Structure formats: structure tokens, C-alpha cells
Amino acid sequence: MKRKNTRNPGPSIGGRGGSTPSKGKRKRRTLSFLSRKTIVKAALKIVDREGLASLSMRKLGAFLKVNPMTIYRYLPNKEALYAAVLEAIMSEINTFAGDAGGATEDHLRQVARSFRGVLLKHQNAVAIIATQPIRTLEALRPIETILSFLITKGFPPEKASATINVCAQYVLGSVQVQIAFLSQAAKQGAGRPLRDALPEVVFPNVKKTAETLSQGYSMESEFEFGLNCIVRGILSTVPKTH
């Protein structure tokens, strides 16, 4: 007596049978969203939310729901990852390339303000900007744009480079101080300010200044004051073709 064939007859005409895609095909389809851009965007989100110390390939893998080893295909090590994050931050700086015909003083101020805004947006990533060298060509684009603008305005190349460095260092330093100040203020809470304990006989001017600042101190206005001093100082050293 012959047994009936109970095996799955396979796909019917039209391809709607019981066949399933192979494991390799499923994996390729699942990871099709993954790219260097996607990984860097996720890395910056992790840094913004949890801090730079939390950034790792394992954390990235968990965030993207992929095997961490897959990320190494796009970014071979943590140095490359940091370089890519720096590149992403640099890309957010508005260099006002379309306003190249404007006054140099205004242009420099606008770029500095944009850089400051980007750093304040990504406060946990400021350490990358402060300590990591530029390692990718894309990260150089804003610098190339600003150099081009300054040289067109009559700046010698060395002066143009120095202008970028001085302005960037001022912005970076002021943001780091602001972040530290706000962090310290949050820890102190409603504690008694130091100014209340100052003996007026010993520190009359410090006490008077502290009281004045407590009534209307603005980090924005202080930043603008310093920026104006730097920009005008720089412009006084170059030929007046700007």
C-alpha cells in the first residue's frame, strides 16, 4: 500500500506558495536602512541625550537594533566615529555663503553666532569639537567657505586662517564657560550666593559689581561684547577693502 505524499507541494503558480525568503535576503532587507549617515545621526542623538561617555558601538547597535559589528563596516573604530560626529556638527554651521557681498564685520558676527548656537544645541558634544582634529573632507567645507569669503575681502591667507581660529576659540571657550556656569548654578540651587557673604570693606567693587550683575546679567550680551571687540580688533589689522 502506497503512502500519500504529505509534503508541502511547494509554491503554486503565481509564486504564492509556502516558500519563505532566505535568511540572507531577510538580513539584507532588514539592514537596508543602515548607512553612514544613519549611524552618525544616531550617534549624535545618543550624545545629546546621554552624554559623550555613553557613546559606544554597543550602544549604537542597541539604538539602531542591529549587531554592533555591522557598524564597523561604516566606521572602523571610535576615532572614525568621533570624526564623523564632528563632521555632522560642522555641517550645521551656517556660513552665510549667499551673503558674501555683505560687510565683513557683520558676516563674521553671523557665522560666530551660528557656531555658538550649534554648540549650545549639542552641549554634550562640545568636547569633541574642543579636542578632536578634523579628519574628514566634509568637515572642512565650512572652513573653506569662510576662508574664501575672507580672502575675497582682501585678507591675506595667513590672516584669514588666524581670524577663523581666533573667532572659533572665543566661541568655543565662551560656550564651555557658559555650560560650566549653568551646571554649577543648577547644583547650587537656591543656595546663598557668594556675593551676600562678601565684606564690603574688603571687596567694595566686587560686591557692587556682583549686585549690579544679579539684577540684569546676560550671557548673550556679554558674548556680543566680546565678539564685537574681537571682530573689530581683527579688522583693524587688515587692509580696508572690506
Protein backbone atom coordinates (compact mmCIF):
# COMPACT_ATOMS: atom_id res chain seq x y z
CA MET A 1 0.00 0.00 0.00
CA LYS A 2 1.44 3.33 -1.05
CA ARG A 3 1.58 6.19 1.43
CA LYS A 4 0.12 9.52 0.50
CA ASN A 5 2.62 12.27 -0.14
CA THR A 6 2.07 14.74 2.71
CA ARG A 7 4.96 17.02 1.89
CA ASN A 8 4.36 20.66 1.06
CA PRO A 9 3.84 20.73 -2.71
CA GLY A 10 5.84 23.96 -2.91
CA PRO A 11 4.85 27.26 -4.39
CA SER A 12 1.79 27.37 -6.58
CA ILE A 13 1.65 29.13 -9.92
CA GLY A 14 1.95 32.83 -9.30
CA GLY A 15 4.52 32.47 -6.51
CA ARG A 16 2.12 32.33 -3.55
CA GLY A 17 3.19 29.05 -2.14
CA GLY A 18 4.72 28.35 1.25
CA SER A 19 8.26 29.39 0.35
CA THR A 20 9.93 31.95 2.60
CA PRO A 21 12.80 34.30 1.81
CA SER A 22 16.22 33.02 2.73
CA LYS A 23 17.93 34.22 5.89
CA GLY A 24 20.43 36.20 3.84
CA LYS A 25 17.69 38.03 1.94
CA ARG A 26 15.84 38.86 5.17
CA LYS A 27 19.04 40.25 6.68
CA ARG A 28 19.79 42.40 3.63
CA ARG A 29 16.26 43.76 3.65
CA THR A 30 16.41 44.45 7.41
CA LEU A 31 19.70 46.37 7.16
CA SER A 32 18.84 48.28 4.01
CA PHE A 33 18.14 51.38 6.11
CA LEU A 34 21.65 51.37 7.55
CA SER A 35 24.17 53.88 6.21
CA ARG A 36 26.99 56.03 7.50
CA LYS A 37 24.60 58.99 7.67
CA THR A 38 22.06 56.99 9.69
CA ILE A 39 24.72 55.80 12.11
CA VAL A 40 26.17 59.29 12.65
CA LYS A 41 22.72 60.76 13.19
CA ALA A 42 22.02 58.09 15.81
CA ALA A 43 25.41 58.71 17.45
CA LEU A 44 24.70 62.42 17.80
CA LYS A 45 21.30 61.66 19.32
CA ILE A 46 22.90 59.40 21.92
CA VAL A 47 25.47 62.06 22.80
CA ASP A 48 22.80 64.76 23.05
CA ARG A 49 20.58 62.64 25.30
CA GLU A 50 23.03 60.68 27.41
CA GLY A 51 26.45 62.32 27.11
CA LEU A 52 29.64 61.55 25.25
CA ALA A 53 30.70 58.86 27.73
CA SER A 54 27.64 56.80 26.75
CA LEU A 55 28.60 56.63 23.08
CA SER A 56 29.88 53.20 22.05
CA MET A 57 29.46 50.74 19.22
CA ARG A 58 27.37 48.54 21.52
CA LYS A 59 25.10 51.45 22.43
CA LEU A 60 24.77 52.39 18.76
CA GLY A 61 23.88 48.83 17.86
CA ALA A 62 21.17 48.75 20.52
CA PHE A 63 19.83 52.12 19.41
CA LEU A 64 19.65 51.07 15.76
CA LYS A 65 18.59 47.49 16.59
CA VAL A 66 21.49 45.95 14.68
CA ASN A 67 24.51 43.86 15.56
CA PRO A 68 27.24 46.28 16.75
CA MET A 69 29.73 44.53 14.48
CA THR A 70 27.74 45.77 11.47
CA ILE A 71 28.62 49.37 12.35
CA TYR A 72 32.32 48.67 11.90
CA ARG A 73 31.72 48.30 8.17
CA TYR A 74 30.96 52.02 8.04
CA LEU A 75 33.09 53.37 10.90
CA PRO A 76 36.05 51.11 11.71
CA ASN A 77 36.82 52.50 15.17
CA LYS A 78 35.85 55.08 17.76
CA GLU A 79 38.24 57.62 16.28
CA ALA A 80 36.35 57.42 12.98
CA LEU A 81 33.06 57.68 14.88
CA TYR A 82 34.15 60.86 16.66
CA ALA A 83 35.40 62.30 13.37
CA ALA A 84 32.02 61.62 11.80
CA VAL A 85 30.17 63.24 14.71
CA LEU A 86 32.42 66.30 14.41
CA GLU A 87 31.64 66.41 10.69
CA ALA A 88 27.90 66.33 11.40
CA ILE A 89 28.19 69.20 13.86
CA MET A 90 30.30 71.26 11.46
CA SER A 91 27.70 70.77 8.74
CA GLU A 92 25.12 72.58 10.89
CA ILE A 93 27.11 75.82 10.97
CA ASN A 94 25.61 78.46 8.74
CA THR A 95 28.45 80.13 6.84
CA PHE A 96 26.07 82.54 5.07
CA ALA A 97 27.68 81.72 1.74
CA GLY A 98 24.88 83.50 -0.10
CA ASP A 99 25.63 86.78 1.69
CA ALA A 100 29.24 87.06 0.53
CA GLY A 101 28.62 90.59 -0.72
CA GLY A 102 27.84 91.93 2.76
CA ALA A 103 30.11 93.69 5.24
CA THR A 104 32.90 91.55 6.67
CA GLU A 105 32.15 92.62 10.23
CA ASP A 106 28.51 91.54 10.02
CA HIS A 107 29.43 88.32 8.24
CA LEU A 108 31.92 87.27 10.92
CA ARG A 109 29.42 88.01 13.66
CA GLN A 110 26.72 85.95 11.95
CA VAL A 111 28.97 82.93 11.49
CA ALA A 112 30.19 83.15 15.10
CA ARG A 113 26.61 83.30 16.38
CA SER A 114 25.68 80.30 14.26
CA PHE A 115 28.65 78.32 15.58
CA ARG A 116 27.68 79.23 19.15
CA GLY A 117 24.10 78.15 18.54
CA VAL A 118 25.22 74.78 17.18
CA LEU A 119 27.48 74.18 20.19
CA LEU A 120 24.73 75.08 22.65
CA LYS A 121 22.40 72.72 20.79
CA HIS A 122 24.93 69.88 21.15
CA GLN A 123 26.42 70.72 24.54
CA ASN A 124 27.44 67.13 25.28
CA ALA A 125 29.48 67.04 22.08
CA VAL A 126 31.49 70.20 22.76
CA ALA A 127 34.41 68.07 23.99
CA ILE A 128 34.67 66.50 20.52
CA ILE A 129 34.96 69.94 18.90
CA ALA A 130 37.49 71.05 21.51
CA THR A 131 39.76 68.00 21.41
CA GLN A 132 39.35 66.17 18.10
CA PRO A 133 41.18 67.22 14.93
CA ILE A 134 39.30 67.43 11.65
CA ARG A 135 39.80 64.13 9.81
CA THR A 136 37.22 64.24 7.02
CA LEU A 137 36.94 66.38 3.90
CA GLU A 138 33.29 67.21 4.56
CA ALA A 139 34.16 68.75 7.92
CA LEU A 140 36.44 71.19 6.07
CA ARG A 141 33.65 72.62 3.89
CA PRO A 142 32.56 75.43 6.26
CA ILE A 143 36.20 76.42 6.77
CA GLU A 144 36.78 76.53 3.00
CA THR A 145 33.70 78.73 2.59
CA ILE A 146 34.78 81.21 5.27
CA LEU A 147 38.37 81.30 4.00
CA SER A 148 37.09 82.02 0.50
CA PHE A 149 34.95 84.89 1.81
CA LEU A 150 37.79 86.46 3.81
CA ILE A 151 40.39 86.14 1.05
CA THR A 152 37.92 87.69 -1.41
CA LYS A 153 37.59 90.58 1.03
CA GLY A 154 41.33 91.20 0.91
CA PHE A 155 42.57 89.13 3.85
CA PRO A 156 45.98 87.53 3.28
CA PRO A 157 45.63 83.72 3.68
CA GLU A 158 47.50 83.69 7.00
CA LYS A 159 45.27 86.46 8.39
CA ALA A 160 42.16 84.67 7.16
CA SER A 161 43.26 81.48 8.90
CA ALA A 162 44.10 83.34 12.11
CA THR A 163 40.71 85.07 12.01
CA ILE A 164 38.88 81.75 11.85
CA ASN A 165 40.99 80.28 14.65
CA VAL A 166 40.64 83.27 16.98
CA CYS A 167 36.88 83.57 16.48
CA ALA A 168 36.34 79.81 16.84
CA GLN A 169 38.43 79.68 20.02
CA TYR A 170 36.48 82.57 21.52
CA VAL A 171 33.12 80.97 20.71
CA LEU A 172 34.23 77.56 21.97
CA GLY A 173 35.69 78.97 25.18
CA SER A 174 32.65 81.12 25.96
CA VAL A 175 30.30 78.17 25.41
CA GLN A 176 32.37 75.93 27.68
CA VAL A 177 32.28 78.57 30.41
CA GLN A 178 28.53 79.02 29.95
CA ILE A 179 27.89 75.28 30.18
CA ALA A 180 30.02 75.01 33.34
CA PHE A 181 28.33 78.05 34.88
CA LEU A 182 24.83 76.74 34.25
CA SER A 183 25.78 73.30 35.54
CA GLN A 184 27.22 74.76 38.73
CA ALA A 185 24.22 77.03 39.22
CA ALA A 186 21.89 74.04 38.89
CA LYS A 187 23.84 72.14 41.56
CA GLN A 188 23.84 75.09 43.97
CA GLY A 189 20.10 75.58 43.53
CA ALA A 190 18.72 78.18 45.89
CA GLY A 191 21.87 78.30 47.99
CA ARG A 192 23.15 81.57 49.36
CA PRO A 193 25.14 83.42 46.67
CA LEU A 194 28.75 84.23 47.45
CA ARG A 195 28.07 87.93 46.93
CA ASP A 196 25.93 88.00 50.07
CA ALA A 197 28.92 86.94 52.14
CA LEU A 198 31.33 89.49 50.69
CA PRO A 199 32.60 92.02 53.25
CA GLU A 200 32.01 95.37 51.59
CA VAL A 201 35.03 96.95 53.28
CA VAL A 202 37.41 94.42 51.72
CA PHE A 203 35.68 93.92 48.35
CA PRO A 204 33.63 97.06 47.72
CA ASN A 205 33.88 96.98 43.91
CA VAL A 206 33.39 93.23 43.60
CA LYS A 207 30.29 93.43 45.77
CA LYS A 208 28.87 96.41 43.89
CA THR A 209 29.50 94.77 40.52
CA ALA A 210 28.03 91.46 41.67
CA GLU A 211 24.87 93.21 42.86
CA THR A 212 24.55 95.04 39.54
CA LEU A 213 25.03 91.84 37.54
CA SER A 214 22.48 89.98 39.66
CA GLN A 215 19.83 92.42 38.50
CA GLY A 216 20.41 92.14 34.77
CA TYR A 217 23.32 89.89 33.81
CA SER A 218 23.03 88.37 30.36
CA MET A 219 25.39 85.81 28.86
CA GLU A 220 24.13 86.86 25.44
CA SER A 221 25.13 90.50 25.90
CA GLU A 222 28.50 89.50 27.36
CA PHE A 223 29.15 87.23 24.39
CA GLU A 224 28.23 90.01 21.97
CA PHE A 225 30.53 92.43 23.78
CA GLY A 226 33.48 90.07 23.44
CA LEU A 227 32.63 89.23 19.84
CA ASN A 228 32.50 92.89 18.87
CA CYS A 229 35.89 93.51 20.47
CA ILE A 230 37.47 90.59 18.63
CA VAL A 231 35.94 91.28 15.23
CA ARG A 232 36.75 94.98 15.28
CA GLY A 233 40.25 94.24 16.53
CA ILE A 234 40.82 91.82 13.67
CA LEU A 235 39.51 94.22 11.04
CA SER A 236 41.84 96.95 12.29
CA THR A 237 44.81 94.80 11.22
CA VAL A 238 43.85 94.16 7.61
CA PRO A 239 43.59 96.44 4.55
CA LYS A 240 40.25 98.25 4.39
CA THR A 241 38.81 96.58 1.33
CA HIS A 242 36.00 95.07 3.42
